[in-house]
């Protein structure tokens, strides 16, 4: 058979298969059964996910290393690391160079 003949056969088979599936889905009894199966799968997958999260929890976070003390002199501001809970020290130590005119 030629390529054109094969594509025609597959096209006809595909159309017949789509029609059969469509007829299957249009039957009210089949719709109820598929709804039941879909709902059951959703419940099973949800239960499996819940069990997975329960039995394999996320690892605990390691405590943060001690914060470094960052200091700024001569009226500037400095900060290092995570801003949350960091110590910010600003001030003048008196031995700052004089500003240029």
PDB file of N, CA and C in Angstrom:
ATOM      1  N   UNK A   1       0.834  -1.194   0.000  1.00  0.00           N
ATOM      2  CA  UNK A   1       0.000   0.000   0.000  1.00  0.00           C
ATOM      3  C   UNK A   1       0.871   1.247   0.000  1.00  0.00           C
ATOM      4  N   UNK A   2       0.355   2.256  -0.533  1.00  0.00           N
ATOM      5  CA  UNK A   2       1.094   3.512  -0.573  1.00  0.00           C
ATOM      6  C   UNK A   2       0.903   4.257   0.739  1.00  0.00           C
ATOM      7  N   UNK A   3       1.717   5.272   0.929  1.00  0.00           N
ATOM      8  CA  UNK A   3       1.621   6.084   2.148  1.00  0.00           C
ATOM      9  C   UNK A   3       0.279   6.763   2.269  1.00  0.00           C
ATOM     10  N   UNK A   4      -0.279   7.171   1.154  1.00  0.00           N
ATOM     11  CA  UNK A   4      -1.583   7.841   1.157  1.00  0.00           C
ATOM     12  C   UNK A   4      -2.673   6.880   1.621  1.00  0.00           C
ATOM     13  N   UNK A   5      -2.591   5.613   1.177  1.00  0.00           N
ATOM     14  CA  UNK A   5      -3.575   4.611   1.572  1.00  0.00           C
ATOM     15  C   UNK A   5      -3.506   4.312   3.058  1.00  0.00           C
ATOM     16  N   UNK A   6      -2.265   4.227   3.586  1.00  0.00           N
ATOM     17  CA  UNK A   6      -2.109   3.973   5.029  1.00  0.00           C
ATOM     18  C   UNK A   6      -2.647   5.125   5.860  1.00  0.00           C
ATOM     19  N   UNK A   7      -2.359   6.346   5.435  1.00  0.00           N
ATOM     20  CA  UNK A   7      -2.861   7.492   6.208  1.00  0.00           C
ATOM     21  C   UNK A   7      -4.382   7.542   6.187  1.00  0.00           C
ATOM     22  N   UNK A   8      -4.993   7.114   5.084  1.00  0.00           N
ATOM     23  CA  UNK A   8      -6.452   7.078   5.008  1.00  0.00           C
ATOM     24  C   UNK A   8      -7.014   6.042   5.979  1.00  0.00           C
ATOM     25  N   UNK A   9      -6.358   4.869   6.063  1.00  0.00           N
ATOM     26  CA  UNK A   9      -6.812   3.831   6.991  1.00  0.00           C
ATOM     27  C   UNK A   9      -6.687   4.310   8.434  1.00  0.00           C
ATOM     28  N   UNK A  10      -5.530   4.920   8.757  1.00  0.00           N
ATOM     29  CA  UNK A  10      -5.354   5.417  10.131  1.00  0.00           C
ATOM     30  C   UNK A  10      -6.310   6.549  10.440  1.00  0.00           C
ATOM     31  N   UNK A  11      -6.607   7.377   9.436  1.00  0.00           N
ATOM     32  CA  UNK A  11      -7.550   8.465   9.630  1.00  0.00           C
ATOM     33  C   UNK A  11      -8.950   7.909   9.906  1.00  0.00           C
ATOM     34  N   UNK A  12      -9.349   6.875   9.162  1.00  0.00           N
ATOM     35  CA  UNK A  12     -10.662   6.271   9.370  1.00  0.00           C
ATOM     36  C   UNK A  12     -10.717   5.603  10.738  1.00  0.00           C
ATOM     37  N   UNK A  13      -9.625   4.875  11.096  1.00  0.00           N
ATOM     38  CA  UNK A  13      -9.603   4.228  12.415  1.00  0.00           C
ATOM     39  C   UNK A  13      -9.658   5.262  13.535  1.00  0.00           C
ATOM     40  N   UNK A  14      -8.943   6.360  13.357  1.00  0.00           N
ATOM     41  CA  UNK A  14      -8.969   7.414  14.371  1.00  0.00           C
ATOM     42  C   UNK A  14     -10.346   8.018  14.529  1.00  0.00           C
ATOM     43  N   UNK A  15     -11.017   8.232  13.415  1.00  0.00           N
ATOM     44  CA  UNK A  15     -12.369   8.795  13.454  1.00  0.00           C
ATOM     45  C   UNK A  15     -13.331   7.825  14.119  1.00  0.00           C
ATOM     46  N   UNK A  16     -13.216   6.547  13.776  1.00  0.00           N
ATOM     47  CA  UNK A  16     -14.089   5.534  14.381  1.00  0.00           C
ATOM     48  C   UNK A  16     -13.830   5.469  15.885  1.00  0.00           C
ATOM     49  N   UNK A  17     -12.550   5.500  16.268  1.00  0.00           N
ATOM     50  CA  UNK A  17     -12.201   5.426  17.691  1.00  0.00           C
ATOM     51  C   UNK A  17     -12.733   6.646  18.444  1.00  0.00           C
ATOM     52  N   UNK A  18     -12.600   7.834  17.849  1.00  0.00           N
ATOM     53  CA  UNK A  18     -13.120   9.043  18.501  1.00  0.00           C
ATOM     54  C   UNK A  18     -14.638   8.957  18.659  1.00  0.00           C
ATOM     55  N   UNK A  19     -15.322   8.439  17.652  1.00  0.00           N
ATOM     56  CA  UNK A  19     -16.775   8.299  17.739  1.00  0.00           C
ATOM     57  C   UNK A  19     -17.174   7.324  18.848  1.00  0.00           C
ATOM     58  N   UNK A  20     -16.431   6.233  18.985  1.00  0.00           N
ATOM     59  CA  UNK A  20     -16.735   5.263  20.038  1.00  0.00           C
ATOM     60  C   UNK A  20     -16.506   5.872  21.422  1.00  0.00           C
ATOM     61  N   UNK A  21     -15.400   6.609  21.559  1.00  0.00           N
ATOM     62  CA  UNK A  21     -15.121   7.251  22.851  1.00  0.00           C
ATOM     63  C   UNK A  21     -16.202   8.281  23.159  1.00  0.00           C
ATOM     64  N   UNK A  22     -16.598   9.058  22.153  1.00  0.00           N
ATOM     65  CA  UNK A  22     -17.627  10.077  22.360  1.00  0.00           C
ATOM     66  C   UNK A  22     -18.959   9.429  22.760  1.00  0.00           C
ATOM     67  N   UNK A  23     -19.314   8.317  22.137  1.00  0.00           N
ATOM     68  CA  UNK A  23     -20.542   7.612  22.505  1.00  0.00           C
ATOM     69  C   UNK A  23     -20.446   7.080  23.932  1.00  0.00           C
ATOM     70  N   UNK A  24     -19.275   6.589  24.303  1.00  0.00           N
ATOM     71  CA  UNK A  24     -19.061   6.097  25.662  1.00  0.00           C
ATOM     72  C   UNK A  24     -19.245   7.223  26.682  1.00  0.00           C
ATOM     73  N   UNK A  25     -18.727   8.397  26.358  1.00  0.00           N
ATOM     74  CA  UNK A  25     -18.822   9.526  27.284  1.00  0.00           C
ATOM     75  C   UNK A  25     -20.225  10.125  27.336  1.00  0.00           C
ATOM     76  N   UNK A  26     -21.007   9.968  26.303  1.00  0.00           N
ATOM     77  CA  UNK A  26     -22.357  10.532  26.292  1.00  0.00           C
ATOM     78  C   UNK A  26     -23.342   9.701  27.103  1.00  0.00           C
ATOM     79  N   UNK A  27     -23.028   8.456  27.356  1.00  0.00           N
ATOM     80  CA  UNK A  27     -23.925   7.589  28.123  1.00  0.00           C
ATOM     81  C   UNK A  27     -23.934   8.047  29.581  1.00  0.00           C
ATOM     82  N   UNK A  28     -25.124   8.318  30.114  1.00  0.00           N
ATOM     83  CA  UNK A  28     -25.247   8.853  31.470  1.00  0.00           C
ATOM     84  C   UNK A  28     -24.705   7.890  32.524  1.00  0.00           C
ATOM     85  N   UNK A  29     -24.887   6.614  32.315  1.00  0.00           N
ATOM     86  CA  UNK A  29     -24.390   5.605  33.247  1.00  0.00           C
ATOM     87  C   UNK A  29     -22.853   5.631  33.295  1.00  0.00           C
ATOM     88  N   UNK A  30     -22.235   5.772  32.138  1.00  0.00           N
ATOM     89  CA  UNK A  30     -20.770   5.851  32.077  1.00  0.00           C
ATOM     90  C   UNK A  30     -20.253   7.148  32.707  1.00  0.00           C
ATOM     91  N   UNK A  31     -21.013   8.216  32.539  1.00  0.00           N
ATOM     92  CA  UNK A  31     -20.613   9.491  33.142  1.00  0.00           C
ATOM     93  C   UNK A  31     -20.577   9.375  34.663  1.00  0.00           C
ATOM     94  N   UNK A  32     -21.588   8.725  35.230  1.00  0.00           N
ATOM     95  CA  UNK A  32     -21.617   8.536  36.682  1.00  0.00           C
ATOM     96  C   UNK A  32     -20.443   7.685  37.144  1.00  0.00           C
ATOM     97  N   UNK A  33     -20.131   6.623  36.392  1.00  0.00           N
ATOM     98  CA  UNK A  33     -19.037   5.745  36.767  1.00  0.00           C
ATOM     99  C   UNK A  33     -17.693   6.487  36.685  1.00  0.00           C
ATOM    100  N   UNK A  34     -17.501   7.275  35.628  1.00  0.00           N
ATOM    101  CA  UNK A  34     -16.259   8.042  35.501  1.00  0.00           C
ATOM    102  C   UNK A  34     -16.141   9.103  36.596  1.00  0.00           C
ATOM    103  N   UNK A  35     -17.258   9.694  36.998  1.00  0.00           N
ATOM    104  CA  UNK A  35     -17.254  10.658  38.099  1.00  0.00           C
ATOM    105  C   UNK A  35     -16.844   9.978  39.389  1.00  0.00           C
ATOM    106  N   UNK A  36     -17.377   8.794  39.624  1.00  0.00           N
ATOM    107  CA  UNK A  36     -17.022   8.032  40.825  1.00  0.00           C
ATOM    108  C   UNK A  36     -15.537   7.671  40.813  1.00  0.00           C
ATOM    109  N   UNK A  37     -15.037   7.214  39.684  1.00  0.00           N
ATOM    110  CA  UNK A  37     -13.625   6.843  39.583  1.00  0.00           C
ATOM    111  C   UNK A  37     -12.734   8.075  39.780  1.00  0.00           C
ATOM    112  N   UNK A  38     -13.099   9.194  39.149  1.00  0.00           N
ATOM    113  CA  UNK A  38     -12.313  10.422  39.292  1.00  0.00           C
ATOM    114  C   UNK A  38     -12.298  10.932  40.723  1.00  0.00           C
ATOM    115  N   UNK A  39     -13.452  10.906  41.382  1.00  0.00           N
ATOM    116  CA  UNK A  39     -13.513  11.337  42.779  1.00  0.00           C
ATOM    117  C   UNK A  39     -12.701  10.429  43.679  1.00  0.00           C
ATOM    118  N   UNK A  40     -12.799   9.119  43.423  1.00  0.00           N
ATOM    119  CA  UNK A  40     -12.013   8.167  44.218  1.00  0.00           C
ATOM    120  C   UNK A  40     -10.522   8.377  44.037  1.00  0.00           C
ATOM    121  N   UNK A  41     -10.099   8.624  42.799  1.00  0.00           N
ATOM    122  CA  UNK A  41      -8.675   8.886  42.557  1.00  0.00           C
ATOM    123  C   UNK A  41      -8.215  10.155  43.268  1.00  0.00           C
ATOM    124  N   UNK A  42      -9.046  11.182  43.262  1.00  0.00           N
ATOM    125  CA  UNK A  42      -8.687  12.427  43.944  1.00  0.00           C
ATOM    126  C   UNK A  42      -8.513  12.188  45.442  1.00  0.00           C
ATOM    127  N   UNK A  43      -9.401  11.401  46.037  1.00  0.00           N
ATOM    128  CA  UNK A  43      -9.305  11.108  47.470  1.00  0.00           C
ATOM    129  C   UNK A  43      -8.055  10.282  47.761  1.00  0.00           C
ATOM    130  N   UNK A  44      -7.790   9.283  46.937  1.00  0.00           N
ATOM    131  CA  UNK A  44      -6.611   8.435  47.152  1.00  0.00           C
ATOM    132  C   UNK A  44      -5.327   9.247  47.014  1.00  0.00           C
ATOM    133  N   UNK A  45      -5.235  10.075  45.980  1.00  0.00           N
ATOM    134  CA  UNK A  45      -4.029  10.884  45.781  1.00  0.00           C
ATOM    135  C   UNK A  45      -3.866  11.879  46.913  1.00  0.00           C
ATOM    136  N   UNK A  46      -4.957  12.500  47.357  1.00  0.00           N
ATOM    137  CA  UNK A  46      -4.874  13.424  48.493  1.00  0.00           C
ATOM    138  C   UNK A  46      -4.415  12.723  49.762  1.00  0.00           C
ATOM    139  N   UNK A  47      -4.939  11.510  50.001  1.00  0.00           N
ATOM    140  CA  UNK A  47      -4.520  10.745  51.179  1.00  0.00           C
ATOM    141  C   UNK A  47      -3.057  10.344  51.108  1.00  0.00           C
ATOM    142  N   UNK A  48      -2.603   9.930  49.927  1.00  0.00           N
ATOM    143  CA  UNK A  48      -1.190   9.567  49.772  1.00  0.00           C
ATOM    144  C   UNK A  48      -0.282  10.768  50.000  1.00  0.00           C
ATOM    145  N   UNK A  49      -0.702  11.933  49.507  1.00  0.00           N
ATOM    146  CA  UNK A  49       0.103  13.144  49.712  1.00  0.00           C
ATOM    147  C   UNK A  49       0.150  13.505  51.201  1.00  0.00           C
ATOM    148  N   UNK A  50      -0.969  13.387  51.877  1.00  0.00           N
ATOM    149  CA  UNK A  50      -1.001  13.685  53.309  1.00  0.00           C
ATOM    150  C   UNK A  50      -0.094  12.729  54.076  1.00  0.00           C
ATOM    151  N   UNK A  51      -0.145  11.441  53.743  1.00  0.00           N
ATOM    152  CA  UNK A  51       0.722  10.463  54.401  1.00  0.00           C
ATOM    153  C   UNK A  51       2.189  10.760  54.110  1.00  0.00           C
ATOM    154  N   UNK A  52       2.513  11.119  52.879  1.00  0.00           N
ATOM    155  CA  UNK A  52       3.894  11.434  52.520  1.00  0.00           C
ATOM    156  C   UNK A  52       4.409  12.618  53.330  1.00  0.00           C
ATOM    157  N   UNK A  53       3.609  13.671  53.421  1.00  0.00           N
ATOM    158  CA  UNK A  53       4.023  14.859  54.175  1.00  0.00           C
ATOM    159  C   UNK A  53       4.164  14.527  55.659  1.00  0.00           C
ATOM    160  N   UNK A  54       3.303  13.647  56.179  1.00  0.00           N
ATOM    161  CA  UNK A  54       3.358  13.289  57.594  1.00  0.00           C
ATOM    162  C   UNK A  54       4.594  12.447  57.900  1.00  0.00           C
ATOM    163  N   UNK A  55       4.864  11.439  57.082  1.00  0.00           N
ATOM    164  CA  UNK A  55       5.961  10.521  57.367  1.00  0.00           C
ATOM    165  C   UNK A  55       7.322  11.042  56.913  1.00  0.00           C
ATOM    166  N   UNK A  56       7.352  11.977  56.001  1.00  0.00           N
ATOM    167  CA  UNK A  56       8.601  12.557  55.524  1.00  0.00           C
ATOM    168  C   UNK A  56       8.546  14.075  55.652  1.00  0.00           C
ATOM    169  N   UNK A  57       8.588  14.599  56.887  1.00  0.00           N
ATOM    170  CA  UNK A  57       8.491  16.057  57.060  1.00  0.00           C
ATOM    171  C   UNK A  57       9.744  16.745  56.527  1.00  0.00           C
ATOM    172  N   UNK A  58       9.614  18.031  56.298  1.00  0.00           N
ATOM    173  CA  UNK A  58      10.768  18.797  55.842  1.00  0.00           C
ATOM    174  C   UNK A  58      11.804  18.849  56.956  1.00  0.00           C
ATOM    175  N   UNK A  59      13.079  18.828  56.614  1.00  0.00           N
ATOM    176  CA  UNK A  59      14.113  18.850  57.652  1.00  0.00           C
ATOM    177  C   UNK A  59      14.066  20.158  58.440  1.00  0.00           C
ATOM    178  N   UNK A  60      14.415  20.025  59.705  1.00  0.00           N
ATOM    179  CA  UNK A  60      14.449  21.216  60.566  1.00  0.00           C
ATOM    180  C   UNK A  60      15.549  22.164  60.089  1.00  0.00           C
ATOM    181  N   UNK A  61      15.301  23.443  60.246  1.00  0.00           N
ATOM    182  CA  UNK A  61      16.308  24.424  59.869  1.00  0.00           C
ATOM    183  C   UNK A  61      17.413  24.436  60.922  1.00  0.00           C
ATOM    184  N   UNK A  62      18.636  24.500  60.449  1.00  0.00           N
ATOM    185  CA  UNK A  62      19.766  24.599  61.369  1.00  0.00           C
ATOM    186  C   UNK A  62      19.783  26.006  61.950  1.00  0.00           C
ATOM    187  N   UNK A  63      20.209  26.125  63.209  1.00  0.00           N
ATOM    188  CA  UNK A  63      20.265  27.479  63.781  1.00  0.00           C
ATOM    189  C   UNK A  63      21.284  28.334  63.033  1.00  0.00           C
ATOM    190  N   UNK A  64      20.963  29.592  62.951  1.00  0.00           N
ATOM    191  CA  UNK A  64      21.863  30.527  62.270  1.00  0.00           C
ATOM    192  C   UNK A  64      23.151  30.686  63.063  1.00  0.00           C
ATOM    193  N   UNK A  65      24.273  30.871  62.389  1.00  0.00           N
ATOM    194  CA  UNK A  65      25.518  31.124  63.115  1.00  0.00           C
ATOM    195  C   UNK A  65      25.422  32.447  63.860  1.00  0.00           C
ATOM    196  N   UNK A  66      26.242  32.644  64.854  1.00  0.00           N
ATOM    197  CA  UNK A  66      26.185  33.907  65.606  1.00  0.00           C
ATOM    198  C   UNK A  66      26.369  35.108  64.677  1.00  0.00           C
ATOM    199  N   UNK A  67      25.650  36.163  65.013  1.00  0.00           N
ATOM    200  CA  UNK A  67      25.726  37.376  64.209  1.00  0.00           C
ATOM    201  C   UNK A  67      27.080  38.054  64.390  1.00  0.00           C
ATOM    202  N   UNK A  68      27.618  38.565  63.285  1.00  0.00           N
ATOM    203  CA  UNK A  68      28.857  39.327  63.341  1.00  0.00           C
ATOM    204  C   UNK A  68      28.527  40.747  63.776  1.00  0.00           C
ATOM    205  N   UNK A  69      29.429  41.339  64.486  1.00  0.00           N
ATOM    206  CA  UNK A  69      29.246  42.733  64.900  1.00  0.00           C
ATOM    207  C   UNK A  69      29.826  43.622  63.814  1.00  0.00           C
ATOM    208  N   UNK A  70      29.002  44.416  63.194  1.00  0.00           N
ATOM    209  CA  UNK A  70      29.425  45.339  62.146  1.00  0.00           C
ATOM    210  C   UNK A  70      29.356  46.741  62.726  1.00  0.00           C
ATOM    211  N   UNK A  71      30.421  47.500  62.559  1.00  0.00           N
ATOM    212  CA  UNK A  71      30.450  48.867  63.094  1.00  0.00           C
ATOM    213  C   UNK A  71      30.804  49.853  61.997  1.00  0.00           C
ATOM    214  N   UNK A  72      30.266  51.050  62.136  1.00  0.00           N
ATOM    215  CA  UNK A  72      30.566  52.134  61.197  1.00  0.00           C
ATOM    216  C   UNK A  72      31.081  53.321  61.991  1.00  0.00           C
ATOM    217  N   UNK A  73      32.021  54.032  61.420  1.00  0.00           N
ATOM    218  CA  UNK A  73      32.580  55.211  62.077  1.00  0.00           C
ATOM    219  C   UNK A  73      32.314  56.447  61.232  1.00  0.00           C
ATOM    220  N   UNK A  74      32.525  57.553  61.851  1.00  0.00           N
ATOM    221  CA  UNK A  74      32.464  58.864  61.189  1.00  0.00           C
ATOM    222  C   UNK A  74      31.090  59.171  60.611  1.00  0.00           C
ATOM    223  N   UNK A  75      30.040  58.805  61.299  1.00  0.00           N
ATOM    224  CA  UNK A  75      28.692  59.196  60.902  1.00  0.00           C
ATOM    225  C   UNK A  75      28.078  58.352  59.802  1.00  0.00           C
ATOM    226  N   UNK A  76      28.713  57.265  59.395  1.00  0.00           N
ATOM    227  CA  UNK A  76      28.128  56.418  58.367  1.00  0.00           C
ATOM    228  C   UNK A  76      27.371  55.264  59.008  1.00  0.00           C
ATOM    229  N   UNK A  77      26.687  54.503  58.202  1.00  0.00           N
ATOM    230  CA  UNK A  77      25.900  53.378  58.689  1.00  0.00           C
ATOM    231  C   UNK A  77      26.389  52.123  57.978  1.00  0.00           C
ATOM    232  N   UNK A  78      26.491  51.000  58.715  1.00  0.00           N
ATOM    233  CA  UNK A  78      26.920  49.737  58.118  1.00  0.00           C
ATOM    234  C   UNK A  78      25.999  48.624  58.591  1.00  0.00           C
ATOM    235  N   UNK A  79      25.814  47.634  57.757  1.00  0.00           N
ATOM    236  CA  UNK A  79      25.014  46.478  58.129  1.00  0.00           C
ATOM    237  C   UNK A  79      25.597  45.257  57.423  1.00  0.00           C
ATOM    238  N   UNK A  80      25.541  44.112  58.072  1.00  0.00           N
ATOM    239  CA  UNK A  80      26.091  42.896  57.469  1.00  0.00           C
ATOM    240  C   UNK A  80      25.159  41.720  57.692  1.00  0.00           C
ATOM    241  N   UNK A  81      25.070  40.836  56.725  1.00  0.00           N
ATOM    242  CA  UNK A  81      24.254  39.634  56.865  1.00  0.00           C
ATOM    243  C   UNK A  81      22.770  39.915  56.734  1.00  0.00           C
ATOM    244  N   UNK A  82      21.988  39.129  57.430  1.00  0.00           N
ATOM    245  CA  UNK A  82      20.547  39.246  57.392  1.00  0.00           C
ATOM    246  C   UNK A  82      20.116  40.499  58.140  1.00  0.00           C
ATOM    247  N   UNK A  83      19.275  41.297  57.549  1.00  0.00           N
ATOM    248  CA  UNK A  83      18.844  42.546  58.159  1.00  0.00           C
ATOM    249  C   UNK A  83      17.953  42.277  59.366  1.00  0.00           C
ATOM    250  N   UNK A  84      17.205  41.190  59.342  1.00  0.00           N
ATOM    251  CA  UNK A  84      16.295  40.875  60.427  1.00  0.00           C
ATOM    252  C   UNK A  84      17.084  40.533  61.687  1.00  0.00           C
ATOM    253  N   UNK A  85      16.915  41.292  62.732  1.00  0.00           N
ATOM    254  CA  UNK A  85      17.579  41.035  64.002  1.00  0.00           C
ATOM    255  C   UNK A  85      19.039  41.462  64.042  1.00  0.00           C
ATOM    256  N   UNK A  86      19.514  42.137  63.013  1.00  0.00           N
ATOM    257  CA  UNK A  86      20.914  42.571  62.970  1.00  0.00           C
ATOM    258  C   UNK A  86      21.103  43.806  63.845  1.00  0.00           C
ATOM    259  N   UNK A  87      22.319  43.967  64.327  1.00  0.00           N
ATOM    260  CA  UNK A  87      22.658  45.132  65.136  1.00  0.00           C
ATOM    261  C   UNK A  87      23.249  46.193  64.227  1.00  0.00           C
ATOM    262  N   UNK A  88      22.694  47.369  64.287  1.00  0.00           N
ATOM    263  CA  UNK A  88      23.201  48.486  63.487  1.00  0.00           C
ATOM    264  C   UNK A  88      23.786  49.501  64.455  1.00  0.00           C
ATOM    265  N   UNK A  89      25.048  49.812  64.252  1.00  0.00           N
ATOM    266  CA  UNK A  89      25.732  50.767  65.118  1.00  0.00           C
ATOM    267  C   UNK A  89      26.236  51.908  64.241  1.00  0.00           C
ATOM    268  N   UNK A  90      25.922  53.108  64.609  1.00  0.00           N
ATOM    269  CA  UNK A  90      26.439  54.266  63.880  1.00  0.00           C
ATOM    270  C   UNK A  90      26.949  55.264  64.894  1.00  0.00           C
ATOM    271  N   UNK A  91      27.855  56.093  64.465  1.00  0.00           N
ATOM    272  CA  UNK A  91      28.352  57.098  65.389  1.00  0.00           C
ATOM    273  C   UNK A  91      29.658  57.681  64.906  1.00  0.00           C
ATOM    274  N   UNK A  92      30.192  58.529  65.731  1.00  0.00           N
ATOM    275  CA  UNK A  92      31.452  59.188  65.414  1.00  0.00           C
ATOM    276  C   UNK A  92      32.409  58.914  66.563  1.00  0.00           C
ATOM    277  N   UNK A  93      33.633  58.505  66.228  1.00  0.00           N
ATOM    278  CA  UNK A  93      34.597  58.173  67.268  1.00  0.00           C
ATOM    279  C   UNK A  93      35.498  59.344  67.622  1.00  0.00           C
ATOM    280  N   UNK A  94      35.356  60.438  66.969  1.00  0.00           N
ATOM    281  CA  UNK A  94      36.155  61.611  67.293  1.00  0.00           C
ATOM    282  C   UNK A  94      37.459  61.681  66.518  1.00  0.00           C
ATOM    283  N   UNK A  95      37.974  60.573  66.015  1.00  0.00           N
ATOM    284  CA  UNK A  95      39.233  60.626  65.271  1.00  0.00           C
ATOM    285  C   UNK A  95      38.989  60.561  63.770  1.00  0.00           C
ATOM    286  N   UNK A  96      37.854  61.076  63.339  1.00  0.00           N
ATOM    287  CA  UNK A  96      37.520  61.093  61.913  1.00  0.00           C
ATOM    288  C   UNK A  96      38.318  62.190  61.223  1.00  0.00           C
ATOM    289  N   UNK A  97      38.692  61.952  59.984  1.00  0.00           N
ATOM    290  CA  UNK A  97      39.377  63.025  59.253  1.00  0.00           C
ATOM    291  C   UNK A  97      38.412  64.180  58.983  1.00  0.00           C
ATOM    292  N   UNK A  98      38.970  65.371  58.945  1.00  0.00           N
ATOM    293  CA  UNK A  98      38.140  66.549  58.703  1.00  0.00           C
ATOM    294  C   UNK A  98      37.712  66.572  57.238  1.00  0.00           C
ATOM    295  N   UNK A  99      36.454  66.968  56.979  1.00  0.00           N
ATOM    296  CA  UNK A  99      36.000  67.031  55.600  1.00  0.00           C
ATOM    297  C   UNK A  99      36.761  68.059  54.795  1.00  0.00           C
ATOM    298  N   UNK A 100      36.932  67.822  53.519  1.00  0.00           N
ATOM    299  CA  UNK A 100      37.619  68.761  52.645  1.00  0.00           C
ATOM    300  C   UNK A 100      36.675  69.920  52.304  1.00  0.00           C
ATOM    301  N   UNK A 101      37.250  71.103  52.192  1.00  0.00           N
ATOM    302  CA  UNK A 101      36.390  72.265  51.846  1.00  0.00           C
ATOM    303  C   UNK A 101      35.956  72.267  50.412  1.00  0.00           C
TER     304      UNK A 101
END
